[in-house]
N, C-alpha and C. Protein backbone atom coordinates (compact mmCIF):
# COMPACT_ATOMS: atom_id res chain seq x y z
N MET A 1 -61.22 -39.96 126.11
CA MET A 1 -60.18 -40.19 127.13
C MET A 1 -59.41 -38.77 127.69
N LEU A 2 -59.36 -38.29 128.73
CA LEU A 2 -58.40 -37.13 128.47
C LEU A 2 -56.71 -37.34 128.40
N ALA A 3 -55.90 -36.76 127.36
CA ALA A 3 -54.64 -36.46 127.09
C ALA A 3 -53.70 -35.44 127.60
N ARG A 4 -52.91 -35.55 128.40
CA ARG A 4 -52.24 -34.66 128.63
C ARG A 4 -51.80 -33.44 127.32
N GLN A 5 -52.40 -32.23 127.43
CA GLN A 5 -52.00 -31.02 126.97
C GLN A 5 -50.35 -30.27 126.71
N ASP A 6 -50.36 -30.07 125.42
CA ASP A 6 -48.90 -29.13 125.41
C ASP A 6 -49.40 -27.80 125.64
N VAL A 7 -49.09 -27.26 126.78
CA VAL A 7 -49.33 -25.99 127.19
C VAL A 7 -48.10 -25.31 128.02
N ASP A 8 -48.17 -23.99 128.01
CA ASP A 8 -46.69 -23.32 128.59
C ASP A 8 -47.84 -22.48 129.83
N ILE A 9 -47.62 -23.35 130.94
CA ILE A 9 -48.66 -22.21 131.83
C ILE A 9 -47.97 -20.99 132.29
N ARG A 10 -46.69 -20.85 131.88
CA ARG A 10 -46.23 -19.31 132.31
C ARG A 10 -46.19 -18.31 131.33
N ARG A 11 -47.19 -18.39 130.25
CA ARG A 11 -47.50 -17.36 129.07
C ARG A 11 -49.03 -17.92 128.68
N PRO A 12 -49.80 -17.05 129.68
CA PRO A 12 -51.20 -17.06 129.41
C PRO A 12 -51.58 -16.31 127.91
N PRO A 13 -52.31 -15.98 127.18
CA PRO A 13 -52.42 -15.43 126.08
C PRO A 13 -52.98 -14.05 126.57
N ARG A 14 -53.16 -13.17 125.82
CA ARG A 14 -53.92 -11.52 125.90
C ARG A 14 -55.64 -11.76 125.86
N ASP A 15 -55.39 -12.53 124.49
CA ASP A 15 -57.04 -12.83 124.10
C ASP A 15 -58.07 -13.42 125.14
N PHE A 16 -59.03 -12.96 125.23
CA PHE A 16 -59.56 -13.65 126.46
C PHE A 16 -60.43 -15.07 125.68
N ASP A 17 -61.01 -15.06 124.68
CA ASP A 17 -61.22 -16.54 124.05
C ASP A 17 -60.06 -17.78 123.97
N GLU A 18 -58.99 -17.38 123.57
CA GLU A 18 -57.61 -17.70 123.75
C GLU A 18 -57.44 -18.06 125.07
N LEU A 19 -57.83 -17.30 126.19
CA LEU A 19 -57.41 -17.47 127.23
C LEU A 19 -57.97 -18.73 128.14
N VAL A 20 -59.42 -18.44 127.80
CA VAL A 20 -60.23 -19.70 127.69
C VAL A 20 -59.61 -20.76 127.49
N ASP A 21 -59.44 -21.14 126.17
CA ASP A 21 -58.31 -22.30 125.56
C ASP A 21 -57.48 -22.92 126.40
N TRP A 22 -56.76 -21.82 127.05
CA TRP A 22 -55.23 -21.90 127.22
C TRP A 22 -55.46 -22.57 128.73
N PHE A 23 -56.52 -21.92 129.68
CA PHE A 23 -56.79 -22.15 130.81
C PHE A 23 -57.72 -23.52 130.76
N ASP A 24 -58.09 -23.83 129.86
CA ASP A 24 -58.92 -25.48 129.84
C ASP A 24 -57.80 -26.17 129.32
N ARG A 25 -56.53 -26.52 128.78
CA ARG A 25 -55.82 -27.47 128.34
C ARG A 25 -54.95 -27.35 130.05
N VAL A 26 -54.97 -26.00 130.73
CA VAL A 26 -53.91 -26.29 131.99
C VAL A 26 -54.94 -27.22 133.43
N SER A 27 -55.88 -26.84 132.96
CA SER A 27 -57.13 -27.68 133.93
C SER A 27 -57.47 -29.00 133.63
N GLY A 28 -56.48 -29.37 132.44
CA GLY A 28 -57.27 -30.61 132.13
C GLY A 28 -56.00 -31.50 132.78
N ASN A 29 -54.36 -30.86 132.39
CA ASN A 29 -53.23 -31.29 132.76
C ASN A 29 -53.70 -31.63 134.46
N LEU A 30 -54.19 -30.74 135.03
CA LEU A 30 -54.33 -30.93 136.63
C LEU A 30 -54.91 -31.73 136.87
N VAL A 31 -55.85 -32.34 136.09
CA VAL A 31 -56.81 -33.22 136.31
C VAL A 31 -56.03 -34.47 135.99
N LEU A 32 -55.09 -34.82 135.35
CA LEU A 32 -53.70 -35.52 135.31
C LEU A 32 -52.91 -35.64 135.98
N LEU A 33 -52.89 -34.94 137.11
CA LEU A 33 -51.62 -34.39 138.07
C LEU A 33 -50.49 -34.01 137.55
N GLU A 34 -50.68 -33.04 136.70
CA GLU A 34 -49.53 -32.15 135.97
C GLU A 34 -48.75 -31.84 137.16
N GLU A 35 -47.14 -31.88 137.15
CA GLU A 35 -46.59 -31.43 138.54
C GLU A 35 -46.06 -29.72 138.56
N TYR A 36 -47.34 -28.70 138.37
CA TYR A 36 -47.16 -27.07 138.36
C TYR A 36 -46.71 -26.72 139.61
N ALA A 37 -45.68 -25.91 139.37
CA ALA A 37 -45.25 -25.66 140.64
C ALA A 37 -46.28 -24.38 141.57
N PRO A 38 -46.49 -24.39 142.63
CA PRO A 38 -47.30 -23.72 143.04
C PRO A 38 -47.69 -22.51 143.07
N GLY A 39 -46.65 -21.73 142.75
CA GLY A 39 -46.71 -20.19 141.77
C GLY A 39 -47.05 -20.28 140.88
N GLU A 40 -46.72 -21.16 140.00
CA GLU A 40 -47.31 -21.16 138.68
C GLU A 40 -48.62 -21.13 138.20
N LEU A 41 -49.48 -22.21 139.37
CA LEU A 41 -50.60 -22.92 139.35
C LEU A 41 -51.50 -21.33 139.89
N ARG A 42 -50.97 -20.75 140.95
CA ARG A 42 -51.32 -18.96 141.63
C ARG A 42 -51.50 -18.28 140.31
N ALA A 43 -50.33 -17.93 139.73
CA ALA A 43 -50.57 -17.55 138.43
C ALA A 43 -51.74 -17.64 137.55
N ALA A 44 -51.94 -18.74 137.21
CA ALA A 44 -52.76 -19.32 135.79
C ALA A 44 -53.81 -19.19 136.45
N VAL A 45 -54.38 -19.49 137.54
CA VAL A 45 -56.02 -18.98 138.31
C VAL A 45 -56.33 -17.62 138.29
N GLU A 46 -55.34 -17.11 138.65
CA GLU A 46 -55.29 -15.45 139.02
C GLU A 46 -55.43 -14.71 137.20
N ALA A 47 -54.62 -15.15 136.61
CA ALA A 47 -54.70 -14.75 134.95
C ALA A 47 -56.28 -14.81 134.40
N MET A 48 -56.64 -16.23 134.94
CA MET A 48 -58.10 -16.78 134.47
C MET A 48 -59.28 -15.75 135.09
N ALA A 49 -59.14 -15.62 136.37
CA ALA A 49 -60.20 -15.02 137.32
C ALA A 49 -59.74 -13.64 136.92
N ARG A 50 -58.75 -13.03 136.81
CA ARG A 50 -58.80 -11.17 136.39
C ARG A 50 -59.40 -11.00 134.94
N ALA A 51 -58.71 -12.12 134.07
CA ALA A 51 -59.66 -11.85 132.74
C ALA A 51 -61.45 -12.28 132.87
N LEU A 52 -61.71 -12.72 133.69
CA LEU A 52 -63.19 -13.01 133.57
C LEU A 52 -63.91 -11.76 134.57
N ASP A 53 -62.91 -11.36 135.56
CA ASP A 53 -63.64 -10.21 136.38
C ASP A 53 -63.50 -9.26 135.07
N ALA A 54 -62.81 -8.85 134.56
CA ALA A 54 -62.19 -7.75 133.42
C ALA A 54 -63.85 -8.14 132.38
N HIS A 55 -63.90 -9.09 131.22
CA HIS A 55 -64.79 -9.55 130.91
C HIS A 55 -65.77 -8.91 131.79
N LEU A 56 -66.71 -9.35 132.97
CA LEU A 56 -67.64 -9.43 133.24
C LEU A 56 -67.93 -7.70 133.64
N ALA A 57 -66.71 -7.10 133.70
CA ALA A 57 -66.94 -5.36 134.03
C ALA A 57 -67.21 -4.77 133.23
N GLU A 58 -66.87 -5.12 132.09
CA GLU A 58 -67.04 -4.76 130.64
C GLU A 58 -68.37 -4.84 130.19
N SER A 59 -68.62 -6.02 130.35
CA SER A 59 -70.05 -6.68 130.01
C SER A 59 -71.49 -5.61 130.87
N GLY A 60 -70.95 -5.36 131.44
CA GLY A 60 -71.97 -5.04 132.84
C GLY A 60 -71.91 -3.32 132.39
N ALA A 61 -70.85 -2.83 131.95
CA ALA A 61 -70.82 -1.48 131.45
C ALA A 61 -71.82 -0.93 130.35
N ARG A 62 -72.33 -2.33 129.78
CA ARG A 62 -72.82 -2.05 128.30
C ARG A 62 -74.58 -1.79 128.69
N PRO A 63 -75.21 -1.18 127.63
CA PRO A 63 -76.58 -0.90 128.01
C PRO A 63 -77.09 -2.58 127.64
N ARG A 64 -78.14 -2.89 128.22
CA ARG A 64 -78.88 -3.49 128.09
C ARG A 64 -79.61 -3.91 126.89
N LEU A 65 -79.61 -4.86 126.14
CA LEU A 65 -79.85 -5.48 124.78
C LEU A 65 -81.63 -5.47 124.68
N GLY A 66 -81.85 -5.43 123.28
CA GLY A 66 -83.42 -6.12 123.14
C GLY A 66 -84.15 -5.05 123.74
N VAL A 67 -85.58 -5.52 122.74
CA VAL A 67 -86.52 -4.26 123.05
C VAL A 67 -87.72 -5.15 123.88
N ALA A 68 -88.37 -4.44 124.55
CA ALA A 68 -89.24 -5.58 125.49
C ALA A 68 -90.29 -5.97 124.63
N GLY A 69 -90.39 -7.83 125.11
CA GLY A 69 -91.27 -8.41 124.48
C GLY A 69 -90.87 -9.32 123.29
N THR A 70 -89.69 -8.99 122.60
CA THR A 70 -89.26 -9.66 121.71
C THR A 70 -88.15 -10.79 122.26
N GLY A 71 -87.61 -11.62 121.24
CA GLY A 71 -86.68 -12.90 121.69
C GLY A 71 -85.27 -12.00 122.23
N GLU A 72 -84.68 -11.29 121.90
CA GLU A 72 -83.48 -10.22 122.05
C GLU A 72 -83.49 -10.19 123.63
N THR A 73 -84.25 -9.50 124.22
CA THR A 73 -84.60 -9.71 125.30
C THR A 73 -84.46 -10.64 126.15
N SER A 74 -84.85 -11.90 125.98
CA SER A 74 -84.92 -13.17 127.04
C SER A 74 -83.39 -13.49 126.74
N ARG A 75 -82.83 -13.26 125.49
CA ARG A 75 -81.80 -13.84 125.04
C ARG A 75 -80.29 -12.87 125.99
N ALA A 76 -80.98 -11.49 126.09
CA ALA A 76 -80.09 -10.34 126.89
C ALA A 76 -80.23 -10.91 128.15
N ALA A 77 -81.42 -10.87 128.86
CA ALA A 77 -81.30 -11.57 130.11
C ALA A 77 -80.79 -13.04 130.35
N VAL A 78 -80.96 -13.94 129.28
CA VAL A 78 -79.79 -15.23 129.50
C VAL A 78 -78.22 -14.68 130.02
N LEU A 79 -78.16 -13.55 129.09
CA LEU A 79 -76.62 -13.18 129.40
C LEU A 79 -76.36 -12.40 130.50
N ASP A 80 -77.41 -11.73 130.89
CA ASP A 80 -77.25 -11.24 132.31
C ASP A 80 -76.94 -12.39 133.13
N ALA A 81 -78.02 -13.09 133.36
CA ALA A 81 -77.99 -14.13 134.15
C ALA A 81 -76.71 -14.94 134.05
N ASP A 82 -76.00 -15.08 133.20
CA ASP A 82 -74.72 -15.66 133.11
C ASP A 82 -73.78 -15.04 133.75
N HIS A 83 -73.89 -14.08 133.61
CA HIS A 83 -72.79 -12.91 134.01
C HIS A 83 -72.94 -12.89 135.46
N GLU A 84 -73.87 -13.03 136.07
CA GLU A 84 -74.02 -13.21 137.59
C GLU A 84 -73.41 -14.40 137.73
N ARG A 85 -73.77 -15.45 137.48
CA ARG A 85 -73.38 -16.79 137.58
C ARG A 85 -71.69 -16.97 137.30
N LEU A 86 -71.22 -16.18 136.29
CA LEU A 86 -69.56 -16.18 136.47
C LEU A 86 -68.82 -15.62 136.89
N ARG A 87 -69.86 -14.40 137.83
CA ARG A 87 -68.70 -13.49 138.97
C ARG A 87 -68.70 -14.82 139.95
N ALA A 88 -69.72 -15.42 140.19
CA ALA A 88 -69.90 -16.27 141.69
C ALA A 88 -68.60 -17.47 140.82
N SER A 89 -68.56 -17.87 139.72
CA SER A 89 -67.55 -19.05 139.47
C SER A 89 -66.24 -18.31 139.56
N ALA A 90 -66.19 -16.74 139.45
CA ALA A 90 -64.30 -16.42 139.60
C ALA A 90 -63.81 -16.51 140.89
N GLU A 91 -65.19 -16.48 141.90
CA GLU A 91 -64.76 -16.61 143.08
C GLU A 91 -64.82 -17.86 143.63
N GLN A 92 -65.31 -19.08 142.96
CA GLN A 92 -64.89 -20.11 143.42
C GLN A 92 -63.86 -20.92 142.94
N LEU A 93 -63.37 -20.57 141.76
CA LEU A 93 -62.02 -20.51 141.34
C LEU A 93 -60.88 -20.34 142.21
N ARG A 94 -61.09 -19.09 142.54
CA ARG A 94 -59.96 -18.71 143.79
C ARG A 94 -59.87 -19.47 144.99
N ALA A 95 -61.01 -19.74 145.46
CA ALA A 95 -61.68 -20.45 146.67
C ALA A 95 -60.88 -21.87 146.74
N LEU A 96 -61.32 -22.47 145.42
CA LEU A 96 -60.41 -23.77 144.89
C LEU A 96 -58.64 -23.78 145.19
N LEU A 97 -58.65 -22.97 144.74
CA LEU A 97 -57.10 -22.23 144.45
C LEU A 97 -56.25 -22.50 146.13
N ARG A 98 -57.30 -21.76 147.08
CA ARG A 98 -56.70 -21.64 148.05
C ARG A 98 -56.76 -22.89 149.06
N VAL A 99 -57.89 -23.84 148.72
CA VAL A 99 -57.66 -25.27 148.71
C VAL A 99 -56.38 -26.02 148.90
N VAL A 100 -56.18 -25.69 147.76
CA VAL A 100 -54.99 -26.37 147.03
C VAL A 100 -53.51 -25.77 147.67
N GLU A 101 -53.69 -24.51 148.05
CA GLU A 101 -52.06 -24.14 148.88
C GLU A 101 -52.62 -24.43 150.07
N ARG A 102 -53.40 -24.73 150.85
CA ARG A 102 -53.48 -25.21 152.33
C ARG A 102 -53.18 -26.85 152.44
N ASP A 103 -53.76 -27.00 151.23
CA ASP A 103 -53.28 -28.76 151.29
C ASP A 103 -52.97 -29.36 149.57
N ASP A 104 -51.94 -29.50 149.44
CA ASP A 104 -51.60 -29.42 148.28
C ASP A 104 -51.16 -31.22 148.01
N HIS A 105 -52.68 -31.46 147.34
CA HIS A 105 -52.31 -33.02 147.03
C HIS A 105 -53.28 -33.33 145.88
N GLY A 106 -52.84 -34.43 145.38
CA GLY A 106 -53.67 -35.00 144.05
C GLY A 106 -55.12 -34.66 143.71
N GLY A 107 -55.61 -34.85 144.69
CA GLY A 107 -57.14 -34.75 144.81
C GLY A 107 -57.79 -33.59 144.86
N ASN A 108 -57.03 -32.61 145.36
CA ASN A 108 -57.56 -31.19 145.25
C ASN A 108 -56.84 -30.42 144.20
N ARG A 109 -55.80 -30.62 143.68
CA ARG A 109 -55.61 -30.15 142.49
C ARG A 109 -56.31 -30.74 141.16
N GLN A 110 -57.22 -31.78 141.37
CA GLN A 110 -57.68 -32.49 140.57
C GLN A 110 -59.03 -31.77 140.51
N ALA A 111 -59.80 -31.45 141.86
CA ALA A 111 -60.79 -30.88 141.90
C ALA A 111 -60.96 -29.46 141.04
N LEU A 112 -59.98 -28.63 141.29
CA LEU A 112 -59.34 -27.21 141.09
C LEU A 112 -59.45 -27.61 139.21
N GLY A 113 -58.91 -28.70 138.60
CA GLY A 113 -58.58 -28.38 137.14
C GLY A 113 -60.33 -29.10 136.75
N GLN A 114 -60.78 -29.82 137.82
CA GLN A 114 -62.62 -30.37 136.90
C GLN A 114 -62.91 -29.31 136.94
N TYR A 115 -62.98 -28.09 138.07
CA TYR A 115 -63.71 -27.26 138.26
C TYR A 115 -63.17 -25.85 136.92
N GLY A 116 -62.10 -25.99 136.51
CA GLY A 116 -61.54 -25.00 135.61
C GLY A 116 -62.26 -26.08 134.40
N ARG A 117 -62.47 -27.05 134.15
CA ARG A 117 -62.37 -27.28 132.95
C ARG A 117 -64.19 -26.96 132.61
N VAL A 118 -64.79 -27.31 133.56
CA VAL A 118 -66.49 -26.89 133.87
C VAL A 118 -66.35 -25.47 133.35
N LEU A 119 -65.85 -24.65 134.23
CA LEU A 119 -65.92 -23.36 133.75
C LEU A 119 -65.54 -22.87 132.58
N THR A 120 -64.53 -23.10 132.11
CA THR A 120 -64.36 -23.11 130.44
C THR A 120 -64.90 -23.21 129.67
N GLU A 121 -65.91 -24.63 129.69
CA GLU A 121 -66.83 -25.10 128.87
C GLU A 121 -68.11 -24.23 129.34
N ALA A 122 -68.45 -23.92 130.27
CA ALA A 122 -69.23 -22.63 130.30
C ALA A 122 -69.19 -21.34 129.81
N LEU A 123 -67.80 -20.73 129.46
CA LEU A 123 -67.27 -19.74 128.71
C LEU A 123 -67.35 -20.09 127.39
N ARG A 124 -67.08 -20.98 126.94
CA ARG A 124 -67.08 -20.95 125.55
C ARG A 124 -68.82 -20.82 125.32
N ARG A 125 -69.40 -21.31 125.60
CA ARG A 125 -70.81 -21.70 125.42
C ARG A 125 -71.66 -19.85 125.66
N HIS A 126 -71.11 -19.45 126.72
CA HIS A 126 -71.45 -17.88 126.95
C HIS A 126 -70.97 -17.17 126.01
N ARG A 127 -69.82 -17.23 125.49
CA ARG A 127 -69.04 -16.38 124.45
C ARG A 127 -69.54 -16.46 122.96
N ARG A 128 -70.30 -17.88 122.78
CA ARG A 128 -71.07 -17.96 121.72
C ARG A 128 -72.24 -17.40 121.54
N ASP A 129 -73.13 -17.25 122.86
CA ASP A 129 -74.25 -16.45 122.92
C ASP A 129 -73.83 -14.99 122.92
N GLU A 130 -72.85 -14.77 123.24
CA GLU A 130 -72.66 -13.10 123.39
C GLU A 130 -72.78 -12.90 121.85
N ARG A 131 -71.82 -13.65 121.14
CA ARG A 131 -71.42 -13.41 120.11
C ARG A 131 -72.66 -13.47 119.11
N SER A 132 -73.85 -14.14 119.00
CA SER A 132 -74.88 -14.49 118.37
C SER A 132 -76.14 -13.47 118.83
N THR A 133 -76.15 -12.98 119.93
CA THR A 133 -77.11 -12.22 120.52
C THR A 133 -76.97 -10.71 119.60
N ALA A 134 -78.08 -10.40 119.06
CA ALA A 134 -77.80 -8.81 118.05
C ALA A 134 -77.17 -7.67 118.91
N GLY A 135 -76.51 -7.18 118.15
CA GLY A 135 -75.66 -5.85 119.06
C GLY A 135 -74.44 -6.10 119.66
N GLY A 136 -73.84 -7.78 119.36
CA GLY A 136 -73.00 -8.30 119.69
C GLY A 136 -72.20 -7.93 120.91
N ARG A 137 -72.99 -7.78 122.18
CA ARG A 137 -72.17 -7.17 123.63
C ARG A 137 -71.17 -7.32 123.48
N SER A 138 -70.36 -8.55 123.13
CA SER A 138 -68.86 -8.23 123.17
C SER A 138 -68.48 -9.14 122.17
N THR A 139 -67.21 -8.49 121.83
CA THR A 139 -67.05 -9.68 120.84
C THR A 139 -65.16 -10.11 120.55
N ARG A 140 -64.24 -9.33 120.99
CA ARG A 140 -62.85 -10.34 121.63
C ARG A 140 -61.99 -9.30 122.59
N SER A 141 -62.71 -9.68 123.49
CA SER A 141 -62.34 -9.29 125.02
C SER A 141 -60.55 -9.31 124.95
N ARG A 142 -59.86 -8.50 125.69
CA ARG A 142 -58.53 -8.59 125.99
C ARG A 142 -58.30 -9.26 127.47
N ALA A 143 -57.65 -10.17 127.73
CA ALA A 143 -57.28 -10.44 129.17
C ALA A 143 -56.70 -9.27 129.63
N ARG A 144 -57.01 -9.06 131.08
CA ARG A 144 -56.18 -8.29 131.78
C ARG A 144 -55.09 -8.41 132.78
N GLY A 145 -54.45 -7.92 132.86
CA GLY A 145 -53.36 -8.33 134.02
C GLY A 145 -52.19 -8.43 133.29
């Protein structure tokens, strides 16, 4: 059962992993129809999307991991594929915010919240995979913004 989370929408953490957890709580509250002001909601979505964009830019700047024919290559390929999917996810998050801004009602807010929850779960898995991959592609990113 989903319960309202105590979270200050106006104070996104700077650490990427903490920001993911924060956005998950914000998103869960949206599903429960928390009455966030439109400006607060926009700022929260932009904080998450900008941090995700920064993480992807940082990750893309690193050399590819692995040696041809090893398990490391396949794990690195999975992470690279994750990064491509996550690029689209940042844009989808912004697109769902635009839907809420055009037609701000409970169903659209819940859809944004559900997408946020799915995104944050995917990000948690992705970060675990990054940390477990030899060479540690990315350890602790800082949120930008």
